[in-house]
Amino acid sequence: MHATTLLPPVRAAFERLIDYAGLFPPAALDAQAALDEFDATVAGTNAWLVGRFVAPLSRLEALAVLRDAERPLPLTLILDVERDARRWFDSLGAAVSLAGSIRAEGTEIAIQALEIPMAIVQAVRESADAPIAQAAALLQRSELRGLPTYLELPPGTEGERLDAAMHALQRTGLHAKLRCGGTVAEAFPSVERVAEFIAAAASHGVAFKATAGLHHPVRHLDAVTGFTMHGFFNILVAAALAPDVSPADLAAVVAEEDPQAFAFDETSLRWRDRRVDIGEIGRMRSTFFHGYGSCSVQEPVDDLTALGVFPPAAR
């Protein structure tokens, strides 16, 4: 199938899907180059795909001097924190204080969402429940209260520990962040872990976003790195189907490597014999899968155009 127009379900699925993360690998642009690319994208035909600019707290000073009050930068801010559990909360407090001051006093940077890495779990008996509650209370007392906040659960958060973490996120009104890859093979979670994360988030009504390694729409073996990389289309479709399919089917969606297994028509999105109508797509995007971070917008556009999901004119 090769689209000649942008179908309504395609728009519903991909609108504001991508937070631009050009500061991060593999692009790793400097501040000026990343801002230039972001500005060019949001002024062009692909603007409808883009949400916010992603930056760590440590890069805000460099970004702020390149903006002005007439062009504030819509930002998803990643708080730089220690991953050691003994220092995590103190470092989070310092980061929240600094970011809160910037939000209260600055006009060049418009902080609209937060991402917070959780501490690495040191012992089997440890869980994320207490740190999640601590983070929620700290944010509620700060200038950052009310912002959508995504907590990146530490590696090894699975099974009962994952269920408890999702319950704590639901209870505190915070969201989750799913890391799908990195610069080493070990950074890529298995199909089963990704499916388990999505199922747990759906079960507890916890919204999430994804990041890292989602360079192309469909899961594939990358010839350059040798890594099998997850696809952002797989994640989106899995999120759409999560409430209605078995764990085995959900894992099959995440594992799908045939682009032809995914398709759109005038009213719905399809994976093999499963369909999701446009209303459900819109609800899923607004309440469950909020999007993903990517260091490129043009690359996903090119891929989706090649697959026939986007018409050539959408480039």
Foldseek 3Di string as FASTA:
>chain_A
DADAAQFLLNLLQQFQFAAAEQCDPPNVDQLVVLVVVVVVCCVDLNVRRHDFHEDEPVCVVVNQVVFDLVAAGEYAYEYDADQAPVGGLVSLLVSLAVVLVCCVPPRNYPHQEYEYEHHADDDPPDACQVVLVSNLVSCCPGSNPPHAYEYEYHPPCADPRLLNVLLSCLVSVHAYEAEQADLDQVSHDALLVLLRNLLSCVVSQHAYEYEYQQLEAAFDQDPPRRHGGWHPVLSSVLNLCNVPDDSVVSSCSRNDHDLVQWDDDNFWIGRNPDTDGSVSSNCSCVRHYVHYYDNDDVSHVVRCNVSNNHHPVSD
